[in-house]
Amino acid sequence: MHPGEKLKKIRDELKQMFLERGDLIDGALCALLSSQHVLIIGPPGTAKSMLADEICRRIEGASYFQWLLTRFTTPEEVFGAVSLRALEQDDYRRVTTRKLPEAHIAFLDEIFKANSSILNAILTLINERLFHNGKEVGSVPLLTLFGASNELPEDDELMALYDRFLLRFVVNYIAEDFRFLRMLEAGAPAERTAISLQELREMQSQARSVAIPAFIYRTVTDIRRELKKKNLEASDRRWRQSLSLLQAHAYLAGRHEVEENDLYFLEHALWRDPQEQNEIRTTIRELLLGYEEEVKELLYESREIRDSALRPWETAEDRARALIEVHTKLKNILAKVEQLMDKAKKLGRPLERVGAIKDEIEGIHKQMLEQF
């Protein structure tokens, strides 16, 4: 089976296991493909660590590290104990076996409770994939780090760490009764599709090769401008990293090019407070579909005009007058459609769906002309 097909199968299996977690699962897999990190905010018992562990199980040869952080957590618990043998040689070096510096996937619960000594090392590790160990600075194999918290950080010292999580999700307990029942009745998964580390690296390379058309760059710029008008601003670094997220999302869907539909996933990367997410989602939708919605409204208006004109008239003169009026209105509607299409074309928006709507309006116009 092709690695890409295996990944889709893993995605489907995870969605069967973790109900009402579709976007989070897609986000986790996109993070793996783009080498980004995921923050999950929610109460205990919402399967946050279980998902990270399950994803690691699907990658053969990958090592997993999980730890619950408190303000009393010591660096030894996360990074390994100091080597006594190295100390004899005046080298303050840690034994990192089975600790965070050797993990491919990590899950740090209550991550914002980390103290300063741990926080600084984590920042370097997740941002630069480096670990300062004694006299050496070595690369770490970390693919993705999952951070979890019951609440947002309040301390300014933690904001740098908060910003390193490109993807952010809020999870709650299962809402729908029928899905809750499925969760209660669910047994062990019938199959567990897996990929090798080498296959994952190949997919990461392929995801980086996904094409980003020029109109996507322009649309991202438009989204940024519209969000700034609403005082919703993300860092330049976050916008830049979001491009790899778009590539990963397109690859996960089996495409070789980023499309407008991928842009909706940016709602999980651009908010700082969960209350902003809905506004970001609405802004993206209005920007992407605004012109399309306007053309749809003109189609509905055209249908109403046609239906009104085709009703029985008392005299032939009334009918002729109505048809002339319809002809004028439909010509004006088609002119508006042309203006909207020209505007969309200048912005680099795809015109296929709008073109189909225009064809239907022209068909209505032709139908009415044949009534003369």
Protein backbone atom coordinates (compact mmCIF):
# COMPACT_ATOMS: atom_id res chain seq x y z
CA MET A 1 0.00 0.00 0.00
CA HIS A 2 1.26 3.50 -0.89
CA PRO A 3 2.30 5.55 2.19
CA GLY A 4 -0.26 8.23 1.33
CA GLU A 5 -3.02 5.61 1.29
CA LYS A 6 -1.78 4.27 4.62
CA LEU A 7 -2.01 7.75 6.09
CA LYS A 8 -5.61 8.11 4.92
CA LYS A 9 -6.39 4.74 6.48
CA ILE A 10 -4.79 5.81 9.76
CA ARG A 11 -6.87 8.98 9.63
CA ASP A 12 -10.10 7.00 9.17
CA GLU A 13 -9.22 4.55 11.95
CA LEU A 14 -8.43 7.38 14.37
CA LYS A 15 -11.75 9.07 13.62
CA GLN A 16 -13.53 5.84 14.45
CA MET A 17 -11.69 5.67 17.78
CA PHE A 18 -11.83 9.34 18.79
CA LEU A 19 -15.33 10.65 18.23
CA GLU A 20 -15.98 14.37 17.68
CA ARG A 21 -12.26 14.90 17.18
CA GLY A 22 -12.13 15.16 13.37
CA ASP A 23 -10.37 18.54 13.13
CA LEU A 24 -7.95 17.64 15.93
CA ILE A 25 -7.00 14.39 14.17
CA ASP A 26 -6.47 16.21 10.88
CA GLY A 27 -4.45 18.83 12.74
CA ALA A 28 -2.28 16.21 14.44
CA LEU A 29 -1.53 14.48 11.13
CA CYS A 30 -0.86 17.82 9.42
CA ALA A 31 1.52 18.67 12.28
CA LEU A 32 3.40 15.42 11.65
CA LEU A 33 3.65 16.18 7.94
CA SER A 34 4.79 19.77 8.48
CA SER A 35 6.94 19.22 11.61
CA GLN A 36 4.80 21.58 13.67
CA HIS A 37 3.41 21.35 17.19
CA VAL A 38 -0.12 21.03 18.59
CA LEU A 39 -1.69 22.57 21.68
CA ILE A 40 -4.85 20.96 23.07
CA ILE A 41 -6.88 22.88 25.62
CA GLY A 42 -9.58 21.05 27.54
CA PRO A 43 -10.58 19.35 30.78
CA PRO A 44 -9.09 16.04 31.98
CA GLY A 45 -10.55 12.89 30.49
CA THR A 46 -10.97 14.11 26.92
CA ALA A 47 -8.45 11.62 25.44
CA LYS A 48 -5.73 14.21 24.80
CA SER A 49 -2.78 12.02 25.77
CA MET A 50 -4.47 8.90 24.40
CA LEU A 51 -4.58 10.44 20.90
CA ALA A 52 -0.90 11.42 20.97
CA ASP A 53 0.03 7.91 22.20
CA GLU A 54 -2.13 6.26 19.54
CA ILE A 55 -0.55 8.31 16.75
CA CYS A 56 2.92 7.32 17.95
CA ARG A 57 1.87 3.65 17.92
CA ARG A 58 1.10 4.06 14.21
CA ILE A 59 4.70 5.01 13.44
CA GLU A 60 6.93 1.96 13.60
CA GLY A 61 10.24 2.69 15.27
CA ALA A 62 9.09 5.98 16.80
CA SER A 63 9.73 6.62 20.48
CA TYR A 64 7.16 8.36 22.66
CA PHE A 65 7.63 10.49 25.76
CA GLN A 66 4.81 11.61 28.05
CA TRP A 67 4.98 13.61 31.25
CA LEU A 68 2.71 15.62 33.54
CA LEU A 69 4.40 18.91 34.39
CA THR A 70 4.00 20.77 37.67
CA ARG A 71 5.91 23.70 39.10
CA PHE A 72 7.88 21.12 41.09
CA THR A 73 8.90 19.03 38.05
CA THR A 74 12.70 18.80 37.82
CA PRO A 75 14.80 18.87 34.62
CA GLU A 76 15.95 15.32 35.44
CA GLU A 77 12.38 14.03 35.01
CA VAL A 78 12.06 15.51 31.52
CA PHE A 79 15.60 15.55 30.11
CA GLY A 80 17.35 12.80 32.07
CA ALA A 81 19.60 12.54 35.12
CA VAL A 82 23.09 14.00 35.16
CA SER A 83 25.78 11.49 34.18
CA LEU A 84 28.12 10.85 37.11
CA ARG A 85 30.79 9.53 34.76
CA ALA A 86 30.66 12.75 32.72
CA LEU A 87 30.88 14.83 35.89
CA GLU A 88 34.22 13.21 36.64
CA GLN A 89 35.42 14.84 33.43
CA ASP A 90 33.89 18.23 34.34
CA ASP A 91 31.09 17.75 31.79
CA TYR A 92 27.59 18.44 33.14
CA ARG A 93 25.91 15.99 30.81
CA ARG A 94 22.53 14.24 31.04
CA VAL A 95 21.64 10.64 30.26
CA THR A 96 18.72 11.23 27.91
CA THR A 97 17.66 7.61 27.34
CA ARG A 98 13.83 7.38 27.05
CA LYS A 99 13.50 11.07 27.87
CA LEU A 100 12.24 14.05 25.83
CA PRO A 101 15.50 14.68 23.87
CA GLU A 102 15.22 11.18 22.31
CA ALA A 103 11.47 11.23 21.56
CA HIS A 104 9.97 11.37 18.11
CA ILE A 105 6.56 12.28 19.51
CA ALA A 106 6.03 13.83 22.92
CA PHE A 107 3.05 14.74 25.06
CA LEU A 108 3.52 17.26 27.86
CA ASP A 109 0.45 17.64 30.03
CA GLU A 110 -0.15 20.93 31.87
CA ILE A 111 2.69 22.36 29.82
CA PHE A 112 2.21 25.92 31.07
CA LYS A 113 3.04 24.82 34.61
CA ALA A 114 6.67 24.25 33.59
CA ASN A 115 9.22 26.21 35.63
CA SER A 116 11.83 28.44 34.00
CA SER A 117 14.64 25.89 33.95
CA ILE A 118 12.48 23.45 31.98
CA LEU A 119 10.72 26.11 29.90
CA ASN A 120 13.90 27.49 28.32
CA ALA A 121 15.14 24.03 27.31
CA ILE A 122 11.74 23.08 25.88
CA LEU A 123 11.65 26.29 23.80
CA THR A 124 15.02 25.53 22.18
CA LEU A 125 14.09 21.90 21.68
CA ILE A 126 10.76 22.48 19.92
CA ASN A 127 11.77 25.60 18.01
CA GLU A 128 15.24 24.66 16.79
CA ARG A 129 15.18 20.88 17.38
CA LEU A 130 18.35 21.24 19.43
CA PHE A 131 19.27 20.15 22.97
CA HIS A 132 22.16 21.64 24.93
CA ASN A 133 23.71 18.73 26.75
CA GLY A 134 26.91 19.49 28.60
CA LYS A 135 29.58 20.69 26.21
CA GLU A 136 27.61 19.61 23.14
CA VAL A 137 24.58 20.86 21.28
CA GLY A 138 22.86 17.98 19.52
CA SER A 139 19.91 17.61 17.18
CA VAL A 140 16.79 15.88 18.49
CA PRO A 141 14.53 13.56 16.45
CA LEU A 142 11.33 15.30 17.61
CA LEU A 143 8.62 15.21 14.93
CA THR A 144 5.76 16.76 16.85
CA LEU A 145 5.16 17.84 20.42
CA PHE A 146 1.64 17.78 21.81
CA GLY A 147 1.08 20.20 24.65
CA ALA A 148 -2.03 20.05 26.79
CA SER A 149 -3.53 22.41 29.33
CA ASN A 150 -6.78 23.02 31.17
CA GLU A 151 -6.38 26.76 30.67
CA LEU A 152 -4.61 29.41 28.65
CA PRO A 153 -1.30 30.85 29.88
CA GLU A 154 -1.53 34.12 31.79
CA ASP A 155 2.13 34.76 32.55
CA ASP A 156 4.00 36.80 29.90
CA GLU A 157 6.97 34.45 30.35
CA LEU A 158 4.86 31.65 28.85
CA MET A 159 3.71 33.53 25.74
CA ALA A 160 6.85 32.59 23.77
CA LEU A 161 6.09 28.92 24.38
CA TYR A 162 2.40 29.46 23.57
CA ASP A 163 3.30 31.00 20.21
CA ARG A 164 5.41 27.97 19.25
CA PHE A 165 2.28 25.85 18.90
CA LEU A 166 1.12 26.51 15.35
CA LEU A 167 -2.05 24.47 15.79
CA ARG A 168 -4.42 25.05 18.69
CA PHE A 169 -7.56 23.11 19.52
CA VAL A 170 -10.17 23.31 22.26
CA VAL A 171 -11.75 19.96 23.15
CA ASN A 172 -14.66 19.09 25.40
CA TYR A 173 -16.46 15.93 26.45
CA ILE A 174 -18.51 14.12 23.78
CA ALA A 175 -21.62 16.20 23.14
CA GLU A 176 -23.96 13.93 21.16
CA ASP A 177 -25.68 11.03 22.96
CA PHE A 178 -25.43 8.67 19.98
CA ARG A 179 -21.66 9.22 19.77
CA PHE A 180 -21.32 8.83 23.53
CA LEU A 181 -23.11 5.48 23.21
CA ARG A 182 -20.72 4.47 20.42
CA MET A 183 -17.80 5.33 22.70
CA LEU A 184 -19.22 3.15 25.49
CA GLU A 185 -19.79 0.22 23.16
CA ALA A 186 -16.49 0.49 21.31
CA GLY A 187 -14.01 -2.34 21.69
CA ALA A 188 -10.35 -2.54 20.74
CA PRO A 189 -9.66 -1.45 17.15
CA ALA A 190 -9.97 -4.30 14.67
CA GLU A 191 -6.84 -3.16 12.84
CA ARG A 192 -4.08 -0.65 13.40
CA THR A 193 -2.49 0.58 10.20
CA ALA A 194 1.10 1.70 10.66
CA ILE A 195 3.81 3.47 8.69
CA SER A 196 7.56 3.42 9.12
CA LEU A 197 9.65 6.43 10.06
CA GLN A 198 11.15 6.33 6.58
CA GLU A 199 7.70 6.42 4.99
CA LEU A 200 6.78 9.39 7.17
CA ARG A 201 9.92 11.26 6.11
CA GLU A 202 9.06 10.56 2.47
CA MET A 203 5.57 11.95 3.03
CA GLN A 204 6.99 15.02 4.75
CA SER A 205 9.15 15.63 1.69
CA GLN A 206 6.17 15.15 -0.64
CA ALA A 207 4.06 17.52 1.47
CA ARG A 208 6.75 20.20 1.18
CA SER A 209 6.55 19.78 -2.60
CA VAL A 210 2.80 20.52 -2.76
CA ALA A 211 2.38 23.55 -5.02
CA ILE A 212 1.02 26.82 -3.66
CA PRO A 213 -0.61 28.80 -6.51
CA ALA A 214 -0.13 32.56 -6.65
CA PHE A 215 -3.78 33.24 -5.84
CA ILE A 216 -3.38 31.39 -2.51
CA TYR A 217 -0.62 33.79 -1.45
CA ARG A 218 -2.84 36.72 -2.42
CA THR A 219 -5.79 35.24 -0.55
CA VAL A 220 -3.71 34.69 2.59
CA THR A 221 -2.71 38.36 2.36
CA ASP A 222 -6.38 39.31 2.01
CA ILE A 223 -7.28 37.21 5.07
CA ARG A 224 -4.53 38.89 7.09
CA ARG A 225 -5.77 42.35 6.04
CA GLU A 226 -9.39 41.58 6.96
CA LEU A 227 -8.39 40.12 10.34
CA LYS A 228 -6.24 43.17 11.13
CA LYS A 229 -9.31 45.35 10.62
CA LYS A 230 -10.88 43.37 13.49
CA ASN A 231 -7.74 43.62 15.65
CA LEU A 232 -7.03 39.92 15.17
CA GLU A 233 -3.31 39.79 14.46
CA ALA A 234 -0.90 36.87 14.24
CA SER A 235 2.89 37.07 14.06
CA ASP A 236 4.68 37.07 10.71
CA ARG A 237 6.32 33.80 11.77
CA ARG A 238 2.92 32.20 12.32
CA TRP A 239 1.70 33.30 8.87
CA ARG A 240 4.88 31.93 7.28
CA GLN A 241 4.57 28.60 9.09
CA SER A 242 0.92 28.40 8.07
CA LEU A 243 2.01 27.80 4.48
CA SER A 244 3.44 24.42 5.49
CA LEU A 245 0.13 23.68 7.22
CA LEU A 246 -1.76 24.40 3.99
CA GLN A 247 0.59 22.10 2.07
CA ALA A 248 0.14 19.33 4.63
CA HIS A 249 -3.65 19.73 4.60
CA ALA A 250 -3.73 19.48 0.80
CA TYR A 251 -1.44 16.43 0.89
CA LEU A 252 -3.65 14.75 3.49
CA ALA A 253 -6.56 15.21 1.07
CA GLY A 254 -4.53 13.53 -1.69
CA ARG A 255 -3.87 16.68 -3.70
CA HIS A 256 -0.68 18.05 -5.27
CA GLU A 257 -1.74 21.68 -5.03
CA VAL A 258 -3.19 23.87 -2.30
CA GLU A 259 -6.80 24.89 -2.94
CA GLU A 260 -9.08 27.51 -1.39
CA ASN A 261 -10.76 24.84 0.75
CA ASP A 262 -7.46 24.33 2.61
CA LEU A 263 -7.56 27.94 3.80
CA TYR A 264 -10.46 27.20 6.14
CA PHE A 265 -8.06 25.14 8.28
CA LEU A 266 -6.20 28.34 9.15
CA GLU A 267 -8.86 28.96 11.80
CA HIS A 268 -6.91 26.52 14.00
CA ALA A 269 -3.66 28.47 13.62
CA LEU A 270 -4.60 32.13 13.87
CA TRP A 271 -6.40 32.59 17.19
CA ARG A 272 -4.82 33.59 20.47
CA ASP A 273 -7.98 33.25 22.56
CA PRO A 274 -10.60 30.55 21.81
CA GLN A 275 -13.28 33.25 21.61
CA GLU A 276 -11.57 34.60 18.49
CA GLN A 277 -11.91 31.36 16.54
CA ASN A 278 -15.49 31.87 15.42
CA GLU A 279 -14.72 35.40 14.18
CA ILE A 280 -11.70 34.11 12.24
CA ARG A 281 -13.78 31.30 10.72
CA THR A 282 -16.49 33.78 9.67
CA THR A 283 -13.94 36.21 8.20
CA ILE A 284 -12.29 33.52 6.09
CA ARG A 285 -15.65 32.22 4.88
CA GLU A 286 -16.91 35.68 3.93
CA LEU A 287 -13.71 36.48 2.08
CA LEU A 288 -13.64 33.21 0.16
CA LEU A 289 -17.34 32.86 -0.56
CA GLY A 290 -18.52 36.47 -0.47
CA TYR A 291 -18.53 36.97 -4.24
CA GLU A 292 -19.90 33.47 -4.76
CA GLU A 293 -22.77 34.09 -2.34
CA GLU A 294 -23.60 37.36 -4.15
CA VAL A 295 -23.80 35.54 -7.48
CA LYS A 296 -26.03 32.87 -5.92
CA GLU A 297 -28.37 35.59 -4.66
CA LEU A 298 -28.55 36.98 -8.22
CA LEU A 299 -29.43 33.48 -9.47
CA TYR A 300 -32.27 33.21 -6.95
CA GLU A 301 -33.49 36.65 -8.02
CA SER A 302 -33.38 35.59 -11.68
CA ARG A 303 -35.51 32.52 -10.94
CA GLU A 304 -38.07 34.64 -9.09
CA ILE A 305 -38.24 37.12 -12.00
CA ARG A 306 -38.76 34.26 -14.49
CA ASP A 307 -41.45 32.56 -12.41
CA SER A 308 -43.30 35.83 -11.94
CA ALA A 309 -43.23 36.61 -15.68
CA LEU A 310 -44.45 33.14 -16.66
CA ARG A 311 -47.61 33.32 -14.56
CA PRO A 312 -50.92 33.81 -16.43
CA TRP A 313 -51.59 37.39 -17.56
CA GLU A 314 -55.00 38.97 -18.22
CA THR A 315 -54.01 40.41 -21.61
CA ALA A 316 -51.31 39.86 -24.22
CA GLU A 317 -50.25 43.47 -23.73
CA ASP A 318 -49.62 42.91 -20.00
CA ARG A 319 -47.61 39.80 -20.83
CA ALA A 320 -45.48 41.62 -23.43
CA ARG A 321 -44.82 44.49 -20.99
CA ALA A 322 -43.78 42.00 -18.30
CA LEU A 323 -41.41 40.17 -20.66
CA ILE A 324 -39.73 43.43 -21.69
CA GLU A 325 -39.25 44.28 -18.01
CA VAL A 326 -37.82 40.79 -17.37
CA HIS A 327 -35.41 41.19 -20.28
CA THR A 328 -34.10 44.48 -18.81
CA LYS A 329 -33.76 43.08 -15.29
CA LEU A 330 -31.94 39.96 -16.45
CA LYS A 331 -29.53 42.05 -18.54
CA ASN A 332 -28.74 44.13 -15.44
CA ILE A 333 -28.25 40.98 -13.36
CA LEU A 334 -25.85 39.53 -15.92
CA ALA A 335 -23.91 42.81 -15.91
CA LYS A 336 -23.59 42.56 -12.11
CA VAL A 337 -22.39 38.96 -12.47
CA GLU A 338 -19.74 40.06 -14.96
CA GLN A 339 -18.54 42.75 -12.53
CA LEU A 340 -18.29 40.24 -9.68
CA MET A 341 -16.42 37.78 -11.90
CA ASP A 342 -13.97 40.48 -13.01
CA LYS A 343 -13.35 41.41 -9.37
CA ALA A 344 -12.87 37.76 -8.41
CA LYS A 345 -10.52 37.22 -11.35
CA LYS A 346 -8.34 40.17 -10.30
CA LEU A 347 -8.14 38.68 -6.81
CA GLY A 348 -7.12 35.33 -8.29
CA ARG A 349 -10.25 33.51 -7.11
CA PRO A 350 -11.34 30.35 -8.94
CA LEU A 351 -14.30 31.00 -11.23
CA GLU A 352 -15.60 27.52 -12.06
CA ARG A 353 -18.57 27.51 -9.68
CA VAL A 354 -19.46 31.13 -10.44
CA GLY A 355 -19.21 30.40 -14.16
CA ALA A 356 -21.72 27.57 -13.80
CA ILE A 357 -24.13 29.92 -12.00
CA LYS A 358 -23.68 32.53 -14.73
CA ASP A 359 -24.50 29.89 -17.36
CA GLU A 360 -27.77 29.13 -15.57
CA ILE A 361 -28.72 32.82 -15.45
CA GLU A 362 -27.93 33.14 -19.17
CA GLY A 363 -30.12 30.08 -19.75
CA ILE A 364 -32.99 31.80 -17.95
CA HIS A 365 -32.43 34.92 -20.04
CA LYS A 366 -32.48 32.89 -23.26
CA GLN A 367 -35.65 31.10 -22.13
CA MET A 368 -37.36 34.44 -21.55
CA LEU A 369 -36.22 35.84 -24.91
CA GLU A 370 -37.89 32.88 -26.61
CA GLN A 371 -41.19 33.96 -25.06
CA PHE A 372 -41.32 37.11 -27.20
